[in-house]
Amino acid sequence: MVTIENMKINYICVGEGENVLILHGWGANIDTIMPIVNLLKDHFKVYALDLPGFGKSDKPQFPFDSKNYSRIVKKFMDLMKIEKTILIGHSFGGKVSILTAVNYPKNVEKLVLIDSAGIRPKRRFKYYLKVYGFKALKLMYKIMFGWNRNSNRMEEFYNRFGSADYRNASGVMRKTLVKVINEDLRPILNRVTCPALLIWGDEDKDTPLYMGRIMEKEIPDSGLVVLEGTGHFSYLDDYYKFALVLKAFLVDAK
C-alpha cells in the first residue's frame, strides 16, 4: 500500500528490468490483469495497481473524472521513482493510459491499449429511447413512492432499472461513473507521441472494434491488431495470440 491524496492505493511489483505499468478496467482490479503481469514479469519490472475505488484501494473523496485518475497514476509513478514506463491499459484503464501519455509524454515510452475506452459511442435512436424511458420511469417512481420521504426507494429503482455498472456502483463511485462515461478523448489522440499498440476483439460489445479503428487513425505512431472471435476481454479470450502480439511489440523489439 502507498498513500496518495489521503487514499490508500494497493499495488504489486514483480520482476526486474524496464518498467511496465498495467491499469485494469472499470469495476475490475489487479486480479483481472494478472495474466498480463505473469506474461511480462520475466522480462520487465511490472507494476499493477488497484485504481481508486476498486479492489483494495480507497474510494476517492469526491467524484473523479479520468483526468483525476491519470493524476493519481502519475503520483504513483513519482512515488515509485518511475521516470519512464511502458503503459498498458485495458478498457477504462486504456482511457486513463491515453490521458497519462498525453499529459506526461516524457514518462511514457510505449503505449498498449487493449479494448480501450475513450471514444464516445455512436448514439442511435434505440439509445435515446432507452435514456428517456429511464427518465420517465424515474419520474413516475418518484411521484408514486415519494423519494424525499424514503431514499431507499431511489436505490431500489436504480437496482431494478439501471445499467449493470450503475447498479454495481454506489455513492461517489456512481457519480464517478456518470462523469467518465461521457468523456471523449478523440480530440487529443493526435497528441500521443509514443509508439502505440492497439489490441482489440472483433466481437467486443462494450468498446466495439470501430473505436479501435478510430484510435489507430488518430494516434500518429500506432498499429491495430484484431483478435478474431474475442470479446471485450480479448487478452483472456485468446491468450496465446495476445501473448505473441504483446511479446513481439515489447520483448522482441528490445
C-alpha atoms as a PDB file:
ATOM      1  CA  MET A   1       0.000   0.000   0.000  1.00  0.00           C
ATOM      2  CA  VAL A   2       1.003   3.598  -0.659  1.00  0.00           C
ATOM      3  CA  THR A   3      -0.902   6.734   0.290  1.00  0.00           C
ATOM      4  CA  ILE A   4      -1.747   9.236  -2.440  1.00  0.00           C
ATOM      5  CA  GLU A   5      -4.001  12.227  -1.777  1.00  0.00           C
ATOM      6  CA  ASN A   6      -5.121  10.674   1.519  1.00  0.00           C
ATOM      7  CA  MET A   7      -6.133   7.431  -0.235  1.00  0.00           C
ATOM      8  CA  LYS A   8      -4.525   4.048   0.365  1.00  0.00           C
ATOM      9  CA  ILE A   9      -3.615   2.589  -3.030  1.00  0.00           C
ATOM     10  CA  ASN A  10      -2.981  -1.140  -3.353  1.00  0.00           C
ATOM     11  CA  TYR A  11      -0.312  -2.265  -5.812  1.00  0.00           C
ATOM     12  CA  ILE A  12       2.040  -5.094  -6.743  1.00  0.00           C
ATOM     13  CA  CYS A  13       5.541  -5.071  -8.205  1.00  0.00           C
ATOM     14  CA  VAL A  14       7.284  -8.141  -9.675  1.00  0.00           C
ATOM     15  CA  GLY A  15      10.272  -8.797 -11.905  1.00  0.00           C
ATOM     16  CA  GLU A  16      13.308  -6.775 -12.911  1.00  0.00           C
ATOM     17  CA  GLY A  17      14.257  -4.607 -15.867  1.00  0.00           C
ATOM     18  CA  GLU A  18      12.465  -1.839 -17.725  1.00  0.00           C
ATOM     19  CA  ASN A  19       9.295  -0.581 -16.084  1.00  0.00           C
ATOM     20  CA  VAL A  20       5.824  -1.676 -17.158  1.00  0.00           C
ATOM     21  CA  LEU A  21       2.673  -0.300 -15.520  1.00  0.00           C
ATOM     22  CA  ILE A  22      -0.648  -2.073 -16.118  1.00  0.00           C
ATOM     23  CA  LEU A  23      -4.067  -0.493 -15.480  1.00  0.00           C
ATOM     24  CA  HIS A  24      -7.278  -2.518 -15.156  1.00  0.00           C
ATOM     25  CA  GLY A  25     -10.746  -1.679 -16.457  1.00  0.00           C
ATOM     26  CA  TRP A  26     -13.858  -0.291 -14.770  1.00  0.00           C
ATOM     27  CA  GLY A  27     -15.217  -2.492 -11.989  1.00  0.00           C
ATOM     28  CA  ALA A  28     -12.085  -4.663 -12.079  1.00  0.00           C
ATOM     29  CA  ASN A  29      -8.867  -4.886 -10.063  1.00  0.00           C
ATOM     30  CA  ILE A  30      -5.330  -6.266 -10.117  1.00  0.00           C
ATOM     31  CA  ASP A  31      -6.592  -9.858 -10.249  1.00  0.00           C
ATOM     32  CA  THR A  32      -8.140  -9.351 -13.710  1.00  0.00           C
ATOM     33  CA  ILE A  33      -4.831  -8.257 -15.246  1.00  0.00           C
ATOM     34  CA  MET A  34      -2.625 -10.869 -13.581  1.00  0.00           C
ATOM     35  CA  PRO A  35      -2.383 -12.891 -16.840  1.00  0.00           C
ATOM     36  CA  ILE A  36      -0.614  -9.874 -18.397  1.00  0.00           C
ATOM     37  CA  VAL A  37       1.566  -9.395 -15.318  1.00  0.00           C
ATOM     38  CA  ASN A  38       2.621 -13.053 -15.418  1.00  0.00           C
ATOM     39  CA  LEU A  39       3.354 -12.815 -19.130  1.00  0.00           C
ATOM     40  CA  LEU A  40       5.791  -9.938 -18.701  1.00  0.00           C
ATOM     41  CA  LYS A  41       7.356 -10.405 -15.263  1.00  0.00           C
ATOM     42  CA  ASP A  42      10.303 -12.448 -16.598  1.00  0.00           C
ATOM     43  CA  HIS A  43      11.284  -9.604 -18.934  1.00  0.00           C
ATOM     44  CA  PHE A  44      10.329  -6.396 -17.109  1.00  0.00           C
ATOM     45  CA  LYS A  45       9.747  -4.826 -13.726  1.00  0.00           C
ATOM     46  CA  VAL A  46       5.962  -4.940 -13.724  1.00  0.00           C
ATOM     47  CA  TYR A  47       3.701  -2.750 -11.622  1.00  0.00           C
ATOM     48  CA  ALA A  48      -0.065  -3.035 -11.336  1.00  0.00           C
ATOM     49  CA  LEU A  49      -2.367  -1.099  -9.054  1.00  0.00           C
ATOM     50  CA  ASP A  50      -5.977  -1.031  -7.949  1.00  0.00           C
ATOM     51  CA  LEU A  51      -7.248   2.328  -9.163  1.00  0.00           C
ATOM     52  CA  PRO A  52      -9.076   4.434  -6.530  1.00  0.00           C
ATOM     53  CA  GLY A  53     -12.463   2.921  -5.735  1.00  0.00           C
ATOM     54  CA  PHE A  54     -11.580  -0.563  -6.977  1.00  0.00           C
ATOM     55  CA  GLY A  55     -10.046  -3.666  -5.445  1.00  0.00           C
ATOM     56  CA  LYS A  56      -8.332  -2.924  -2.151  1.00  0.00           C
ATOM     57  CA  SER A  57      -7.753   0.764  -2.836  1.00  0.00           C
ATOM     58  CA  ASP A  58      -9.756   3.504  -1.100  1.00  0.00           C
ATOM     59  CA  LYS A  59     -12.552   5.340  -2.858  1.00  0.00           C
ATOM     60  CA  PRO A  60     -11.886   8.928  -3.911  1.00  0.00           C
ATOM     61  CA  GLN A  61     -13.253  11.610  -1.610  1.00  0.00           C
ATOM     62  CA  PHE A  62     -15.116  13.310  -4.469  1.00  0.00           C
ATOM     63  CA  PRO A  63     -16.355  12.159  -7.905  1.00  0.00           C
ATOM     64  CA  PHE A  64     -13.347  11.598 -10.161  1.00  0.00           C
ATOM     65  CA  ASP A  65     -13.063  12.044 -13.895  1.00  0.00           C
ATOM     66  CA  SER A  66     -10.421  10.309 -15.996  1.00  0.00           C
ATOM     67  CA  LYS A  67      -8.007  13.237 -15.611  1.00  0.00           C
ATOM     68  CA  ASN A  68      -8.111  12.730 -11.842  1.00  0.00           C
ATOM     69  CA  TYR A  69      -7.266   9.052 -12.308  1.00  0.00           C
ATOM     70  CA  SER A  70      -4.393   9.984 -14.615  1.00  0.00           C
ATOM     71  CA  ARG A  71      -3.038  12.359 -11.978  1.00  0.00           C
ATOM     72  CA  ILE A  72      -3.100   9.568  -9.384  1.00  0.00           C
ATOM     73  CA  VAL A  73      -1.211   7.292 -11.788  1.00  0.00           C
ATOM     74  CA  LYS A  74       1.479   9.964 -12.267  1.00  0.00           C
ATOM     75  CA  LYS A  75       1.802  10.453  -8.499  1.00  0.00           C
ATOM     76  CA  PHE A  76       2.136   6.685  -8.102  1.00  0.00           C
ATOM     77  CA  MET A  77       4.927   6.698 -10.678  1.00  0.00           C
ATOM     78  CA  ASP A  78       6.665   9.507  -8.809  1.00  0.00           C
ATOM     79  CA  LEU A  79       6.444   7.596  -5.517  1.00  0.00           C
ATOM     80  CA  MET A  80       7.919   4.516  -7.173  1.00  0.00           C
ATOM     81  CA  LYS A  81      10.594   6.703  -8.816  1.00  0.00           C
ATOM     82  CA  ILE A  82       9.434   5.569 -12.251  1.00  0.00           C
ATOM     83  CA  GLU A  83      10.888   8.081 -14.703  1.00  0.00           C
ATOM     84  CA  LYS A  84       9.890   6.141 -17.816  1.00  0.00           C
ATOM     85  CA  THR A  85       7.479   3.259 -18.306  1.00  0.00           C
ATOM     86  CA  ILE A  86       5.623   1.156 -20.815  1.00  0.00           C
ATOM     87  CA  LEU A  87       1.951   1.780 -20.069  1.00  0.00           C
ATOM     88  CA  ILE A  88      -0.659  -0.936 -20.655  1.00  0.00           C
ATOM     89  CA  GLY A  89      -4.369  -0.315 -20.124  1.00  0.00           C
ATOM     90  CA  HIS A  90      -7.480  -2.422 -20.589  1.00  0.00           C
ATOM     91  CA  SER A  91     -10.855  -0.737 -21.187  1.00  0.00           C
ATOM     92  CA  PHE A  92     -11.184   2.159 -18.702  1.00  0.00           C
ATOM     93  CA  GLY A  93      -7.523   1.616 -17.846  1.00  0.00           C
ATOM     94  CA  GLY A  94      -6.805   2.305 -21.517  1.00  0.00           C
ATOM     95  CA  LYS A  95      -8.571   5.658 -21.299  1.00  0.00           C
ATOM     96  CA  VAL A  96      -6.504   6.592 -18.249  1.00  0.00           C
ATOM     97  CA  SER A  97      -3.372   5.421 -20.079  1.00  0.00           C
ATOM     98  CA  ILE A  98      -4.141   7.673 -23.062  1.00  0.00           C
ATOM     99  CA  LEU A  99      -4.520  10.694 -20.801  1.00  0.00           C
ATOM    100  CA  THR A 100      -1.299   9.835 -18.983  1.00  0.00           C
ATOM    101  CA  ALA A 101       0.606   9.514 -22.254  1.00  0.00           C
ATOM    102  CA  VAL A 102      -0.760  12.883 -23.429  1.00  0.00           C
ATOM    103  CA  ASN A 103      -0.296  14.765 -20.153  1.00  0.00           C
ATOM    104  CA  TYR A 104       3.089  13.272 -19.211  1.00  0.00           C
ATOM    105  CA  PRO A 105       4.719  12.345 -22.538  1.00  0.00           C
ATOM    106  CA  LYS A 106       8.266  12.246 -21.164  1.00  0.00           C
ATOM    107  CA  ASN A 107       7.273   9.459 -18.759  1.00  0.00           C
ATOM    108  CA  VAL A 108       5.616   7.061 -21.229  1.00  0.00           C
ATOM    109  CA  GLU A 109       7.868   5.153 -23.657  1.00  0.00           C
ATOM    110  CA  LYS A 110       5.280   2.887 -25.251  1.00  0.00           C
ATOM    111  CA  LEU A 111       1.525   2.520 -25.003  1.00  0.00           C
ATOM    112  CA  VAL A 112      -0.558  -0.658 -25.241  1.00  0.00           C
ATOM    113  CA  LEU A 113      -4.332  -0.224 -25.396  1.00  0.00           C
ATOM    114  CA  ILE A 114      -6.484  -3.337 -25.029  1.00  0.00           C
ATOM    115  CA  ASP A 115     -10.170  -2.920 -25.965  1.00  0.00           C
ATOM    116  CA  SER A 116      -9.746   0.621 -24.716  1.00  0.00           C
ATOM    117  CA  ALA A 117     -12.410   3.109 -23.718  1.00  0.00           C
ATOM    118  CA  GLY A 118     -12.030   6.735 -24.768  1.00  0.00           C
ATOM    119  CA  ILE A 119     -14.264   7.133 -27.818  1.00  0.00           C
ATOM    120  CA  ARG A 120     -17.796   8.389 -27.219  1.00  0.00           C
ATOM    121  CA  PRO A 121     -20.091   5.734 -28.686  1.00  0.00           C
ATOM    122  CA  LYS A 122     -22.366   6.325 -31.637  1.00  0.00           C
ATOM    123  CA  ARG A 123     -25.812   7.190 -30.325  1.00  0.00           C
ATOM    124  CA  ARG A 124     -28.735   5.626 -32.146  1.00  0.00           C
ATOM    125  CA  PHE A 125     -32.469   6.096 -31.729  1.00  0.00           C
ATOM    126  CA  LYS A 126     -32.685   2.995 -29.539  1.00  0.00           C
ATOM    127  CA  TYR A 127     -30.211   4.557 -27.098  1.00  0.00           C
ATOM    128  CA  TYR A 128     -32.195   7.773 -26.727  1.00  0.00           C
ATOM    129  CA  LEU A 129     -35.403   5.778 -26.385  1.00  0.00           C
ATOM    130  CA  LYS A 130     -33.832   3.856 -23.520  1.00  0.00           C
ATOM    131  CA  VAL A 131     -32.456   7.004 -21.837  1.00  0.00           C
ATOM    132  CA  TYR A 132     -35.699   8.968 -21.969  1.00  0.00           C
ATOM    133  CA  GLY A 133     -37.683   5.891 -20.996  1.00  0.00           C
ATOM    134  CA  PHE A 134     -35.433   5.541 -17.946  1.00  0.00           C
ATOM    135  CA  LYS A 135     -36.018   9.190 -17.029  1.00  0.00           C
ATOM    136  CA  ALA A 136     -39.774   8.801 -17.412  1.00  0.00           C
ATOM    137  CA  LEU A 137     -39.755   5.718 -15.170  1.00  0.00           C
ATOM    138  CA  LYS A 138     -37.672   7.601 -12.620  1.00  0.00           C
ATOM    139  CA  LEU A 139     -40.195  10.457 -12.523  1.00  0.00           C
ATOM    140  CA  MET A 140     -43.110   8.023 -12.156  1.00  0.00           C
ATOM    141  CA  TYR A 141     -41.318   6.191  -9.349  1.00  0.00           C
ATOM    142  CA  LYS A 142     -40.687   9.470  -7.560  1.00  0.00           C
ATOM    143  CA  ILE A 143     -44.322  10.521  -7.803  1.00  0.00           C
ATOM    144  CA  MET A 144     -45.625   7.118  -6.707  1.00  0.00           C
ATOM    145  CA  PHE A 145     -43.258   6.432  -3.808  1.00  0.00           C
ATOM    146  CA  GLY A 146     -42.027   9.846  -2.699  1.00  0.00           C
ATOM    147  CA  TRP A 147     -38.227   9.542  -2.616  1.00  0.00           C
ATOM    148  CA  ASN A 148     -37.931  12.559  -0.363  1.00  0.00           C
ATOM    149  CA  ARG A 149     -39.583  10.510   2.368  1.00  0.00           C
ATOM    150  CA  ASN A 150     -37.590   7.347   1.782  1.00  0.00           C
ATOM    151  CA  SER A 151     -34.215   7.409  -0.005  1.00  0.00           C
ATOM    152  CA  ASN A 152     -34.213   3.589  -0.115  1.00  0.00           C
ATOM    153  CA  ARG A 153     -36.835   3.828  -2.857  1.00  0.00           C
ATOM    154  CA  MET A 154     -34.314   5.560  -5.114  1.00  0.00           C
ATOM    155  CA  GLU A 155     -31.776   2.797  -4.582  1.00  0.00           C
ATOM    156  CA  GLU A 156     -34.477   0.205  -5.277  1.00  0.00           C
ATOM    157  CA  PHE A 157     -35.264   1.953  -8.563  1.00  0.00           C
ATOM    158  CA  TYR A 158     -31.640   2.021  -9.721  1.00  0.00           C
ATOM    159  CA  ASN A 159     -31.197  -1.632  -8.772  1.00  0.00           C
ATOM    160  CA  ARG A 160     -34.189  -2.587 -10.889  1.00  0.00           C
ATOM    161  CA  PHE A 161     -33.723  -0.375 -13.938  1.00  0.00           C
ATOM    162  CA  GLY A 162     -30.131   0.939 -14.022  1.00  0.00           C
ATOM    163  CA  SER A 163     -27.272  -0.476 -16.093  1.00  0.00           C
ATOM    164  CA  ALA A 164     -25.103  -3.231 -14.607  1.00  0.00           C
ATOM    165  CA  ASP A 165     -22.187  -0.849 -13.962  1.00  0.00           C
ATOM    166  CA  TYR A 166     -24.546   1.695 -12.409  1.00  0.00           C
ATOM    167  CA  ARG A 167     -26.168  -0.938 -10.190  1.00  0.00           C
ATOM    168  CA  ASN A 168     -22.790  -2.212  -9.026  1.00  0.00           C
ATOM    169  CA  ALA A 169     -21.538   1.271  -8.150  1.00  0.00           C
ATOM    170  CA  SER A 170     -22.698   3.355  -5.210  1.00  0.00           C
ATOM    171  CA  GLY A 171     -22.081   6.738  -3.648  1.00  0.00           C
ATOM    172  CA  VAL A 172     -19.078   8.571  -5.016  1.00  0.00           C
ATOM    173  CA  MET A 173     -18.283   5.769  -7.495  1.00  0.00           C
ATOM    174  CA  ARG A 174     -21.729   6.044  -9.065  1.00  0.00           C
ATOM    175  CA  LYS A 175     -21.148   9.769  -9.596  1.00  0.00           C
ATOM    176  CA  THR A 176     -17.670   8.983 -10.921  1.00  0.00           C
ATOM    177  CA  LEU A 177     -19.157   6.566 -13.456  1.00  0.00           C
ATOM    178  CA  VAL A 178     -21.516   9.256 -14.727  1.00  0.00           C
ATOM    179  CA  LYS A 179     -18.527  11.570 -15.227  1.00  0.00           C
ATOM    180  CA  VAL A 180     -16.206   9.151 -17.023  1.00  0.00           C
ATOM    181  CA  ILE A 181     -18.794   7.501 -19.265  1.00  0.00           C
ATOM    182  CA  ASN A 182     -19.496  10.733 -21.155  1.00  0.00           C
ATOM    183  CA  GLU A 183     -15.880  11.678 -21.864  1.00  0.00           C
ATOM    184  CA  ASP A 184     -14.500  11.691 -25.405  1.00  0.00           C
ATOM    185  CA  LEU A 185     -10.732  11.557 -25.923  1.00  0.00           C
ATOM    186  CA  ARG A 186     -10.827  11.619 -29.721  1.00  0.00           C
ATOM    187  CA  PRO A 187      -9.768  15.312 -29.918  1.00  0.00           C
ATOM    188  CA  ILE A 188      -6.496  14.599 -28.062  1.00  0.00           C
ATOM    189  CA  LEU A 189      -5.490  11.263 -29.604  1.00  0.00           C
ATOM    190  CA  ASN A 190      -3.186  13.020 -32.080  1.00  0.00           C
ATOM    191  CA  ARG A 191      -1.165  14.269 -29.104  1.00  0.00           C
ATOM    192  CA  VAL A 192       0.044  10.753 -28.220  1.00  0.00           C
ATOM    193  CA  THR A 193       3.718  10.897 -29.182  1.00  0.00           C
ATOM    194  CA  CYS A 194       4.952   7.424 -28.209  1.00  0.00           C
ATOM    195  CA  PRO A 195       4.537   4.219 -30.250  1.00  0.00           C
ATOM    196  CA  ALA A 196       1.163   2.606 -29.538  1.00  0.00           C
ATOM    197  CA  LEU A 197      -0.100  -0.937 -29.993  1.00  0.00           C
ATOM    198  CA  LEU A 198      -3.871  -1.426 -30.098  1.00  0.00           C
ATOM    199  CA  ILE A 199      -5.260  -4.903 -29.437  1.00  0.00           C
ATOM    200  CA  TRP A 200      -8.972  -5.471 -29.991  1.00  0.00           C
ATOM    201  CA  GLY A 201     -11.560  -8.219 -30.003  1.00  0.00           C
ATOM    202  CA  ASP A 202     -13.673  -8.210 -33.136  1.00  0.00           C
ATOM    203  CA  GLU A 203     -16.711  -9.245 -31.091  1.00  0.00           C
ATOM    204  CA  ASP A 204     -16.226  -6.618 -28.385  1.00  0.00           C
ATOM    205  CA  LYS A 205     -19.659  -5.241 -27.449  1.00  0.00           C
ATOM    206  CA  ASP A 206     -18.502  -2.783 -24.752  1.00  0.00           C
ATOM    207  CA  THR A 207     -15.905  -0.881 -26.775  1.00  0.00           C
ATOM    208  CA  PRO A 208     -16.651  -2.054 -30.336  1.00  0.00           C
ATOM    209  CA  LEU A 209     -13.937  -2.537 -32.923  1.00  0.00           C
ATOM    210  CA  TYR A 210     -14.802   0.683 -34.781  1.00  0.00           C
ATOM    211  CA  MET A 211     -13.428   2.539 -31.735  1.00  0.00           C
ATOM    212  CA  GLY A 212     -10.089   0.776 -32.166  1.00  0.00           C
ATOM    213  CA  ARG A 213     -10.029   1.744 -35.843  1.00  0.00           C
ATOM    214  CA  ILE A 214     -10.650   5.390 -34.929  1.00  0.00           C
ATOM    215  CA  MET A 215      -7.795   5.285 -32.429  1.00  0.00           C
ATOM    216  CA  GLU A 216      -5.459   3.731 -34.992  1.00  0.00           C
ATOM    217  CA  LYS A 217      -6.335   6.518 -37.426  1.00  0.00           C
ATOM    218  CA  GLU A 218      -5.907   9.327 -34.899  1.00  0.00           C
ATOM    219  CA  ILE A 219      -2.831   8.178 -32.926  1.00  0.00           C
ATOM    220  CA  PRO A 220       0.188   9.010 -35.137  1.00  0.00           C
ATOM    221  CA  ASP A 221       2.525   6.059 -34.460  1.00  0.00           C
ATOM    222  CA  SER A 222       0.060   3.225 -33.880  1.00  0.00           C
ATOM    223  CA  GLY A 223      -0.957  -0.166 -35.176  1.00  0.00           C
ATOM    224  CA  LEU A 224      -4.103  -2.198 -34.595  1.00  0.00           C
ATOM    225  CA  VAL A 225      -4.172  -5.975 -34.131  1.00  0.00           C
ATOM    226  CA  VAL A 226      -7.593  -7.632 -34.184  1.00  0.00           C
ATOM    227  CA  LEU A 227      -8.050 -10.930 -32.348  1.00  0.00           C
ATOM    228  CA  GLU A 228     -10.806 -12.805 -34.144  1.00  0.00           C
ATOM    229  CA  GLY A 229     -13.561 -14.441 -32.143  1.00  0.00           C
ATOM    230  CA  THR A 230     -12.781 -12.491 -28.972  1.00  0.00           C
ATOM    231  CA  GLY A 231     -14.786 -10.006 -26.920  1.00  0.00           C
ATOM    232  CA  HIS A 232     -14.076  -7.162 -24.523  1.00  0.00           C
ATOM    233  CA  PHE A 233     -11.541  -9.266 -22.611  1.00  0.00           C
ATOM    234  CA  SER A 234      -9.693 -10.228 -25.780  1.00  0.00           C
ATOM    235  CA  TYR A 235      -6.471 -10.898 -23.856  1.00  0.00           C
ATOM    236  CA  LEU A 236      -8.260 -13.676 -21.959  1.00  0.00           C
ATOM    237  CA  ASP A 237     -10.363 -14.993 -24.842  1.00  0.00           C
ATOM    238  CA  ASP A 238      -7.288 -15.725 -26.974  1.00  0.00           C
ATOM    239  CA  TYR A 239      -4.382 -15.535 -24.566  1.00  0.00           C
ATOM    240  CA  TYR A 240      -1.983 -17.384 -26.881  1.00  0.00           C
ATOM    241  CA  LYS A 241      -2.284 -14.927 -29.773  1.00  0.00           C
ATOM    242  CA  PHE A 242      -2.378 -11.999 -27.378  1.00  0.00           C
ATOM    243  CA  ALA A 243       0.898 -13.145 -25.818  1.00  0.00           C
ATOM    244  CA  LEU A 244       2.568 -13.477 -29.224  1.00  0.00           C
ATOM    245  CA  VAL A 245       1.493  -9.987 -30.281  1.00  0.00           C
ATOM    246  CA  LEU A 246       2.449  -8.312 -26.992  1.00  0.00           C
ATOM    247  CA  LYS A 247       5.847 -10.001 -26.813  1.00  0.00           C
ATOM    248  CA  ALA A 248       6.600  -9.050 -30.422  1.00  0.00           C
ATOM    249  CA  PHE A 249       5.927  -5.392 -29.585  1.00  0.00           C
ATOM    250  CA  LEU A 250       7.641  -5.271 -26.209  1.00  0.00           C
ATOM    251  CA  VAL A 251      10.156  -8.106 -25.881  1.00  0.00           C
ATOM    252  CA  ASP A 252      11.348  -8.963 -29.396  1.00  0.00           C
ATOM    253  CA  ALA A 253      11.738  -5.269 -30.238  1.00  0.00           C
ATOM    254  CA  LYS A 254      14.125  -4.684 -27.280  1.00  0.00           C
END
